[in-house]
Amino acid sequence: MHPFITQLQQRLPTPVWLRSSAMQQGLMFIMVSVVSLILMSSLTIAYVDYHLDEVNNNIEHNVEAFMLGTTTEINKEPIDEDDVIDVLATGFILSGILVILCSSAIVIYMTRRNQAKIDRIETVLRAAADGELSARTMMSSQTNDLTRIGSTVDEMLSRLQSVVAAMSDISSNIAHELKTPITRLQYNLQTLSEMADAHGDKLDDDFSEQLQLSLKESNRLANIFDALLRISQIESGNRRQRFETINVVDLVHTIAEIYTDVAEDADMSLVLDAQKEPIFIQGDKELLIQQFANLVENSLRYCPQASQLILSCHTEQDDNVVITMADNGPGIDDQEKQRVFERLYRINKSRNDGGLGIGLTLVKAVTDLHQGEIKLYDCHPGLGVEIRYHC
């Protein structure tokens, strides 16, 4: 749109009843219809008048010729009805074609204008969903509902960005304030544990047991705190700045090499099923390794002895890379499959298995960061976790 028109729209307030895009399109349709009728009538009248002038000229020439004696006959029917009908039909057709072209141009212009606004709003909302809160539609005018929606989206994102920034500052302050006491607590408990070991004969067994339990719980608290901070950092989208081209096949091979011996020590077996050809995606190498490691550790933690774990990595015909972690353990009930992605949620809260309840939460956070999809399925018996990324 021309800048002068934009400035004029901003200076002249639009009536409330005219601020709806549907109302504007309806009025535009009425205006186009009225202009089309006027244009068709005008063009048809002009076309017919032109041909009638030609007929009148022929009549005048015929009369002059008769008066001069150059002809002995006068055409008694100078205007043929078929000719008149042909002239009117031709006039209507030509004017109709011109009206259709003009109307189509106006409709296409209005449609593209509104569609461009819709596309812009959709692009900004998708960017915001991916964590890019700085995107804006840049629609400041209030001429119709689409521009008002765009302006509202910009205002919402500005406030959300401020809130997220404030929450990030609060999280950083909490991390700074709590990390030091937790570290000191761990250090003090570790010191007490070393002192207890040095005076083992003089200390009560219950004291030593409670001391070791406190040290274990402090380590658990520190691990939960670090994991929650990492998940919050992932969900903020800041780690996208570290994306690079990564060969996923190399990562799953690395995980398999690390955890094969761990599985054997737990009387289990870990089998790798990965294609030989490399699979490249854009991602954070450290987070993807942590994700695959969490999948394997989750199966190792909850599967009984003699279980078989299968880690696979393949591409499909739609150019998607699929990573699956399947086992033949106890599995998960259908009603629990969505809740396992929640922070600190554990299926059996009374079981002391050493889990933190955030392993699959981190797996899903990494998947969402890389714009992938994750789902759980039954292996009958056992549980399977499928992660799908776009190459």
Protein backbone atom coordinates (compact mmCIF):
# COMPACT_ATOMS: atom_id res chain seq x y z
CA MET A 1 0.00 0.00 0.00
CA HIS A 2 1.18 3.51 -0.81
CA PRO A 3 2.66 5.35 2.22
CA PHE A 4 0.36 8.33 1.60
CA ILE A 5 -2.72 6.09 1.85
CA THR A 6 -1.38 4.50 5.04
CA GLN A 7 -0.80 7.93 6.62
CA LEU A 8 -4.27 9.03 5.51
CA GLN A 9 -5.84 5.96 7.12
CA GLN A 10 -3.98 6.65 10.34
CA ARG A 11 -5.14 10.28 10.43
CA LEU A 12 -8.76 9.62 9.50
CA PRO A 13 -10.40 7.33 12.08
CA THR A 14 -12.27 4.36 10.63
CA PRO A 15 -15.87 3.92 11.85
CA VAL A 16 -16.36 1.05 14.27
CA TRP A 17 -18.85 -0.75 12.01
CA LEU A 18 -16.31 -0.61 9.17
CA ARG A 19 -13.40 -2.16 11.09
CA SER A 20 -14.36 -5.73 10.23
CA SER A 21 -12.57 -7.33 7.28
CA ALA A 22 -15.77 -9.22 6.44
CA MET A 23 -17.73 -5.95 6.38
CA GLN A 24 -15.03 -4.32 4.25
CA GLN A 25 -15.09 -7.21 1.79
CA GLY A 26 -18.90 -7.10 1.69
CA LEU A 27 -18.89 -3.36 0.95
CA MET A 28 -16.19 -3.90 -1.63
CA PHE A 29 -18.35 -6.57 -3.29
CA ILE A 30 -21.36 -4.19 -3.35
CA MET A 31 -19.22 -1.39 -4.77
CA VAL A 32 -17.77 -3.68 -7.42
CA SER A 33 -21.28 -4.87 -8.35
CA VAL A 34 -22.61 -1.30 -8.66
CA VAL A 35 -19.58 -0.14 -10.62
CA SER A 36 -19.87 -3.23 -12.81
CA LEU A 37 -23.50 -2.50 -13.65
CA ILE A 38 -22.73 1.14 -14.41
CA LEU A 39 -19.71 0.17 -16.48
CA MET A 40 -21.59 -2.50 -18.40
CA SER A 41 -24.45 -0.10 -19.12
CA SER A 42 -22.10 2.68 -20.17
CA LEU A 43 -20.02 0.45 -22.42
CA THR A 44 -23.07 -1.16 -23.98
CA ILE A 45 -24.74 2.21 -24.64
CA ALA A 46 -21.52 3.58 -26.15
CA TYR A 47 -21.05 0.53 -28.33
CA VAL A 48 -24.66 0.52 -29.56
CA ASP A 49 -24.58 4.29 -30.14
CA TYR A 50 -21.47 3.86 -32.25
CA HIS A 51 -23.14 1.28 -34.48
CA LEU A 52 -26.36 3.27 -34.68
CA ASP A 53 -24.33 6.22 -35.95
CA GLU A 54 -22.97 3.98 -38.68
CA VAL A 55 -26.49 2.87 -39.62
CA ASN A 56 -27.68 6.51 -39.70
CA ASN A 57 -24.78 7.44 -41.94
CA ASN A 58 -25.70 4.61 -44.32
CA ILE A 59 -29.34 5.80 -44.38
CA GLU A 60 -28.28 9.37 -45.10
CA HIS A 61 -26.00 8.23 -47.90
CA ASN A 62 -28.79 6.11 -49.38
CA VAL A 63 -31.26 9.05 -49.27
CA GLU A 64 -28.73 11.44 -50.80
CA ALA A 65 -28.03 8.95 -53.57
CA PHE A 66 -31.77 8.59 -54.28
CA MET A 67 -32.22 12.38 -54.36
CA LEU A 68 -29.31 12.74 -56.75
CA GLY A 69 -30.68 10.00 -58.93
CA THR A 70 -27.70 7.73 -58.56
CA THR A 71 -29.98 5.02 -57.20
CA THR A 72 -33.60 4.20 -57.83
CA GLU A 73 -34.32 2.27 -54.63
CA ILE A 74 -34.48 3.18 -50.97
CA ASN A 75 -33.91 0.51 -48.34
CA LYS A 76 -37.29 0.20 -46.64
CA GLU A 77 -35.78 -1.68 -43.66
CA PRO A 78 -32.47 0.08 -42.98
CA ILE A 79 -32.22 -1.45 -39.51
CA ASP A 80 -32.33 -5.24 -39.33
CA GLU A 81 -33.56 -6.74 -36.02
CA ASP A 82 -30.88 -9.42 -36.13
CA ASP A 83 -28.22 -6.76 -36.54
CA VAL A 84 -29.57 -4.86 -33.52
CA ILE A 85 -29.56 -8.04 -31.42
CA ASP A 86 -26.01 -8.84 -32.55
CA VAL A 87 -24.87 -5.33 -31.67
CA LEU A 88 -26.48 -5.50 -28.21
CA ALA A 89 -25.06 -8.99 -27.54
CA THR A 90 -21.61 -7.96 -28.65
CA GLY A 91 -21.77 -4.84 -26.48
CA PHE A 92 -22.81 -6.84 -23.43
CA ILE A 93 -20.10 -9.44 -24.02
CA LEU A 94 -17.32 -6.90 -24.44
CA SER A 95 -18.44 -4.83 -21.46
CA GLY A 96 -18.89 -8.01 -19.41
CA ILE A 97 -15.34 -9.12 -20.18
CA LEU A 98 -13.97 -5.74 -19.15
CA VAL A 99 -16.02 -5.76 -15.94
CA ILE A 100 -14.88 -9.28 -15.08
CA LEU A 101 -11.25 -8.30 -15.59
CA CYS A 102 -11.60 -5.22 -13.39
CA SER A 103 -13.56 -7.08 -10.71
CA SER A 104 -11.06 -9.94 -10.73
CA ALA A 105 -8.18 -7.51 -10.31
CA ILE A 106 -9.91 -5.85 -7.33
CA VAL A 107 -10.82 -9.20 -5.72
CA ILE A 108 -7.30 -10.59 -6.22
CA TYR A 109 -5.80 -7.46 -4.71
CA MET A 110 -8.05 -7.61 -1.64
CA THR A 111 -7.53 -11.35 -1.23
CA ARG A 112 -3.76 -11.13 -1.49
CA ARG A 113 -3.71 -8.20 0.89
CA ASN A 114 -5.68 -10.05 3.56
CA GLN A 115 -3.85 -13.33 2.93
CA ALA A 116 -0.51 -11.58 3.35
CA LYS A 117 -1.66 -10.33 6.76
CA ILE A 118 -2.84 -13.82 7.74
CA ASP A 119 0.44 -15.37 6.58
CA ARG A 120 2.41 -12.79 8.53
CA ILE A 121 0.42 -13.46 11.70
CA GLU A 122 0.82 -17.22 11.24
CA THR A 123 4.58 -16.89 10.68
CA VAL A 124 5.00 -14.81 13.83
CA LEU A 125 2.90 -17.24 15.91
CA ARG A 126 4.91 -20.21 14.62
CA ALA A 127 8.13 -18.41 15.48
CA ALA A 128 6.77 -17.68 18.96
CA ALA A 129 5.82 -21.34 19.38
CA ASP A 130 9.41 -22.23 18.55
CA GLY A 131 10.65 -19.88 21.27
CA GLU A 132 11.47 -16.81 19.14
CA LEU A 133 9.51 -14.19 21.06
CA SER A 134 11.16 -11.26 19.28
CA ALA A 135 9.20 -11.79 16.03
CA ARG A 136 6.54 -9.15 15.27
CA THR A 137 3.85 -8.65 12.64
CA MET A 138 4.55 -4.88 12.52
CA MET A 139 0.83 -4.13 12.06
CA SER A 140 0.25 -0.83 13.87
CA SER A 141 -2.88 0.41 12.10
CA GLN A 142 -6.44 -0.44 13.21
CA THR A 143 -8.14 -0.42 9.80
CA ASN A 144 -9.75 -3.88 10.14
CA ASP A 145 -9.87 -6.92 12.40
CA LEU A 146 -6.82 -8.57 10.81
CA THR A 147 -4.58 -5.60 11.55
CA ARG A 148 -6.06 -5.40 15.05
CA ILE A 149 -5.27 -9.08 15.58
CA GLY A 150 -1.73 -8.51 14.34
CA SER A 151 -1.30 -5.52 16.62
CA THR A 152 -2.70 -7.53 19.55
CA VAL A 153 -0.31 -10.38 18.79
CA ASP A 154 2.61 -7.95 18.83
CA GLU A 155 1.46 -6.52 22.15
CA MET A 156 1.01 -10.01 23.60
CA LEU A 157 4.47 -11.12 22.47
CA SER A 158 6.04 -7.96 23.88
CA ARG A 159 4.48 -8.61 27.27
CA LEU A 160 5.31 -12.32 27.09
CA GLN A 161 8.90 -11.51 26.18
CA SER A 162 9.13 -9.20 29.17
CA VAL A 163 7.66 -11.85 31.46
CA VAL A 164 10.01 -14.53 30.13
CA ALA A 165 12.97 -12.20 30.56
CA ALA A 166 11.87 -11.45 34.12
CA MET A 167 11.40 -15.16 34.84
CA SER A 168 14.81 -15.87 33.37
CA ASP A 169 16.33 -13.27 35.68
CA ILE A 170 14.49 -14.79 38.63
CA SER A 171 15.68 -18.27 37.66
CA SER A 172 19.24 -17.02 37.36
CA ASN A 173 19.01 -15.38 40.77
CA ILE A 174 17.51 -18.53 42.28
CA ALA A 175 20.22 -20.61 40.68
CA HIS A 176 22.88 -18.30 42.05
CA GLU A 177 21.33 -18.19 45.53
CA LEU A 178 20.55 -21.90 45.88
CA LYS A 179 23.52 -23.44 44.09
CA THR A 180 25.99 -22.19 46.68
CA PRO A 181 24.09 -23.47 49.77
CA ILE A 182 23.50 -26.84 48.15
CA THR A 183 27.17 -27.14 47.28
CA ARG A 184 28.16 -26.15 50.82
CA LEU A 185 25.70 -28.68 52.24
CA GLN A 186 27.21 -31.41 50.09
CA TYR A 187 30.72 -30.38 51.13
CA ASN A 188 29.81 -30.33 54.83
CA LEU A 189 28.11 -33.70 54.65
CA GLN A 190 31.05 -35.15 52.74
CA THR A 191 33.40 -33.79 55.40
CA LEU A 192 31.28 -35.33 58.15
CA SER A 193 31.27 -38.62 56.27
CA GLU A 194 35.07 -38.59 56.06
CA MET A 195 35.28 -37.75 59.76
CA ALA A 196 32.88 -40.58 60.55
CA ASP A 197 35.01 -43.00 58.54
CA ALA A 198 38.08 -41.85 60.48
CA HIS A 199 36.33 -42.47 63.82
CA GLY A 200 34.23 -45.42 62.80
CA ASP A 201 34.66 -47.31 66.07
CA LYS A 202 33.56 -44.37 68.25
CA LEU A 203 30.40 -43.40 66.31
CA ASP A 204 26.99 -44.95 66.56
CA ASP A 205 25.86 -47.06 63.60
CA ASP A 206 22.56 -45.16 63.34
CA PHE A 207 24.47 -41.86 63.10
CA SER A 208 26.65 -43.17 60.30
CA GLU A 209 23.63 -44.54 58.47
CA GLN A 210 21.72 -41.27 58.75
CA LEU A 211 24.79 -39.34 57.64
CA GLN A 212 25.16 -41.44 54.51
CA LEU A 213 21.44 -41.07 53.82
CA SER A 214 21.70 -37.27 54.17
CA LEU A 215 24.68 -37.21 51.81
CA LYS A 216 22.76 -39.29 49.28
CA GLU A 217 19.69 -37.05 49.48
CA SER A 218 21.80 -33.91 49.12
CA ASN A 219 23.35 -35.34 45.96
CA ARG A 220 19.89 -36.22 44.72
CA LEU A 221 18.68 -32.67 45.43
CA ALA A 222 21.64 -31.21 43.53
CA ASN A 223 20.96 -33.51 40.56
CA ILE A 224 17.28 -32.56 40.48
CA PHE A 225 18.16 -28.87 40.69
CA ASP A 226 20.69 -29.13 37.84
CA ALA A 227 18.27 -31.14 35.68
CA LEU A 228 15.40 -28.67 36.18
CA LEU A 229 17.65 -25.75 35.27
CA ARG A 230 18.79 -27.59 32.16
CA ILE A 231 15.19 -28.34 31.13
CA SER A 232 14.20 -24.68 31.63
CA GLN A 233 17.17 -23.61 29.52
CA ILE A 234 16.17 -26.04 26.77
CA GLU A 235 12.53 -24.94 26.77
CA SER A 236 13.55 -21.30 26.47
CA GLY A 237 14.98 -22.05 23.01
CA ASN A 238 18.34 -20.41 23.72
CA ARG A 239 20.21 -23.60 22.84
CA ARG A 240 19.21 -23.25 19.17
CA GLN A 241 22.14 -20.90 18.77
CA ARG A 242 24.41 -23.91 19.23
CA PHE A 243 22.85 -25.96 16.41
CA GLU A 244 25.23 -27.54 13.94
CA THR A 245 25.21 -30.35 11.37
CA ILE A 246 25.36 -33.65 13.27
CA ASN A 247 25.58 -37.28 12.17
CA VAL A 248 22.98 -39.04 14.31
CA VAL A 249 24.38 -42.48 13.46
CA ASP A 250 27.69 -41.57 15.12
CA LEU A 251 25.84 -40.45 18.26
CA VAL A 252 23.88 -43.69 18.69
CA HIS A 253 27.09 -45.68 18.12
CA THR A 254 28.74 -43.65 20.88
CA ILE A 255 25.83 -44.32 23.25
CA ALA A 256 25.90 -48.02 22.44
CA GLU A 257 29.62 -48.25 23.14
CA ILE A 258 29.18 -46.55 26.52
CA TYR A 259 26.16 -48.51 27.77
CA THR A 260 26.82 -52.00 26.38
CA ASP A 261 29.10 -52.84 29.31
CA VAL A 262 26.71 -51.12 31.75
CA ALA A 263 23.88 -53.34 30.49
CA GLU A 264 26.03 -56.47 30.82
CA ASP A 265 26.90 -55.55 34.41
CA ALA A 266 23.16 -55.30 35.10
CA ASP A 267 22.63 -58.74 33.49
CA MET A 268 20.94 -57.20 30.45
CA SER A 269 21.81 -56.88 26.79
CA LEU A 270 21.88 -53.73 24.67
CA VAL A 271 21.55 -54.24 20.90
CA LEU A 272 22.24 -51.49 18.36
CA ASP A 273 20.26 -51.50 15.11
CA ALA A 274 21.46 -48.53 13.06
CA GLN A 275 21.88 -48.04 9.35
CA LYS A 276 25.38 -47.72 7.92
CA GLU A 277 24.72 -44.57 5.89
CA PRO A 278 25.14 -41.30 7.84
CA ILE A 279 22.09 -39.29 8.83
CA PHE A 280 22.62 -35.55 9.16
CA ILE A 281 20.36 -33.17 11.06
CA GLN A 282 20.70 -29.70 12.54
CA GLY A 283 20.90 -29.94 16.31
CA ASP A 284 22.75 -29.57 19.60
CA LYS A 285 25.18 -32.47 19.91
CA GLU A 286 25.45 -32.34 23.69
CA LEU A 287 21.68 -32.35 24.19
CA LEU A 288 21.10 -35.16 21.69
CA ILE A 289 23.69 -37.33 23.46
CA GLN A 290 21.98 -36.58 26.78
CA GLN A 291 18.63 -37.47 25.23
CA PHE A 292 19.79 -40.87 23.93
CA ALA A 293 21.58 -41.58 27.20
CA ASN A 294 18.41 -40.84 29.17
CA LEU A 295 16.45 -43.27 27.00
CA VAL A 296 18.92 -46.09 27.65
CA GLU A 297 19.24 -45.29 31.36
CA ASN A 298 15.46 -45.23 31.73
CA SER A 299 15.22 -48.78 30.35
CA LEU A 300 18.16 -49.98 32.44
CA ARG A 301 16.58 -48.57 35.59
CA TYR A 302 13.11 -50.07 35.23
CA CYS A 303 13.71 -53.36 33.39
CA PRO A 304 14.42 -56.59 35.30
CA GLN A 305 17.46 -58.78 34.78
CA ALA A 306 17.81 -60.72 31.51
CA SER A 307 15.95 -57.95 29.65
CA GLN A 308 16.89 -57.04 26.09
CA LEU A 309 17.19 -53.38 25.04
CA ILE A 310 17.18 -52.38 21.38
CA LEU A 311 18.41 -48.96 20.26
CA SER A 312 17.70 -48.29 16.58
CA CYS A 313 18.26 -45.43 14.16
CA HIS A 314 16.95 -45.36 10.59
CA THR A 315 15.59 -43.02 7.93
CA GLU A 316 12.20 -43.44 6.29
CA GLN A 317 10.94 -42.68 2.79
CA ASP A 318 9.65 -39.28 3.88
CA ASP A 319 13.23 -38.24 4.79
CA ASN A 320 12.54 -38.46 8.51
CA VAL A 321 15.03 -39.96 10.93
CA VAL A 322 13.48 -42.29 13.51
CA ILE A 323 15.26 -43.22 16.75
CA THR A 324 13.62 -45.88 18.90
CA MET A 325 14.45 -47.35 22.29
CA ALA A 326 12.55 -50.57 22.93
CA ASP A 327 12.72 -53.07 25.79
CA ASN A 328 10.83 -56.11 27.05
CA GLY A 329 10.37 -54.83 30.61
CA PRO A 330 7.16 -54.15 32.54
CA GLY A 331 6.01 -51.31 30.26
CA ILE A 332 3.66 -48.44 31.17
CA ASP A 333 -0.12 -48.31 31.38
CA ASP A 334 -1.90 -46.25 28.73
CA GLN A 335 -3.18 -43.71 31.25
CA GLU A 336 0.38 -43.10 32.45
CA LYS A 337 2.01 -42.56 29.05
CA GLN A 338 1.31 -38.85 28.81
CA ARG A 339 2.06 -38.06 32.43
CA VAL A 340 5.58 -39.52 32.32
CA PHE A 341 6.69 -36.40 30.43
CA GLU A 342 5.72 -34.18 33.38
CA ARG A 343 8.40 -32.83 35.68
CA LEU A 344 9.14 -34.99 38.74
CA TYR A 345 6.33 -37.43 37.88
CA ARG A 346 7.06 -41.03 38.82
CA ILE A 347 4.79 -43.98 38.13
CA ASN A 348 5.58 -45.78 41.38
CA LYS A 349 6.36 -43.09 43.92
CA SER A 350 6.87 -45.63 46.71
CA ARG A 351 9.62 -47.45 44.83
CA ASN A 352 13.16 -46.36 45.69
CA ASP A 353 14.78 -46.88 42.30
CA GLY A 354 17.00 -43.80 42.31
CA GLY A 355 15.08 -42.10 39.53
CA LEU A 356 14.50 -38.36 39.58
CA GLY A 357 11.27 -38.31 37.57
CA ILE A 358 12.69 -35.96 34.95
CA GLY A 359 14.46 -38.31 32.53
CA LEU A 360 11.66 -38.45 29.95
CA THR A 361 10.85 -34.79 30.64
CA LEU A 362 14.30 -33.85 29.40
CA VAL A 363 13.91 -36.24 26.44
CA LYS A 364 10.71 -34.49 25.38
CA ALA A 365 12.21 -31.02 25.92
CA VAL A 366 15.12 -31.87 23.61
CA THR A 367 12.69 -33.32 21.06
CA ASP A 368 10.57 -30.16 21.08
CA LEU A 369 13.68 -27.99 20.79
CA HIS A 370 14.61 -29.83 17.58
CA GLN A 371 10.99 -29.63 16.34
CA GLY A 372 10.61 -33.39 16.47
CA GLU A 373 7.87 -35.73 17.59
CA ILE A 374 7.92 -38.29 20.40
CA LYS A 375 5.51 -41.07 21.28
CA LEU A 376 5.36 -44.13 23.51
CA TYR A 377 4.09 -47.51 22.34
CA ASP A 378 3.72 -51.04 23.72
CA CYS A 379 6.20 -53.75 22.79
CA HIS A 380 4.09 -56.57 24.32
CA PRO A 381 5.81 -56.84 26.67
CA GLY A 382 7.83 -53.75 27.30
CA LEU A 383 7.90 -50.10 26.36
CA GLY A 384 9.04 -48.41 23.19
CA VAL A 385 9.97 -44.75 22.77
CA GLU A 386 9.97 -43.37 19.23
CA ILE A 387 11.52 -40.01 18.34
CA ARG A 388 11.10 -38.63 14.84
CA TYR A 389 13.23 -35.80 13.41
CA HIS A 390 13.23 -34.13 10.00
CA CYS A 391 16.51 -34.51 8.12
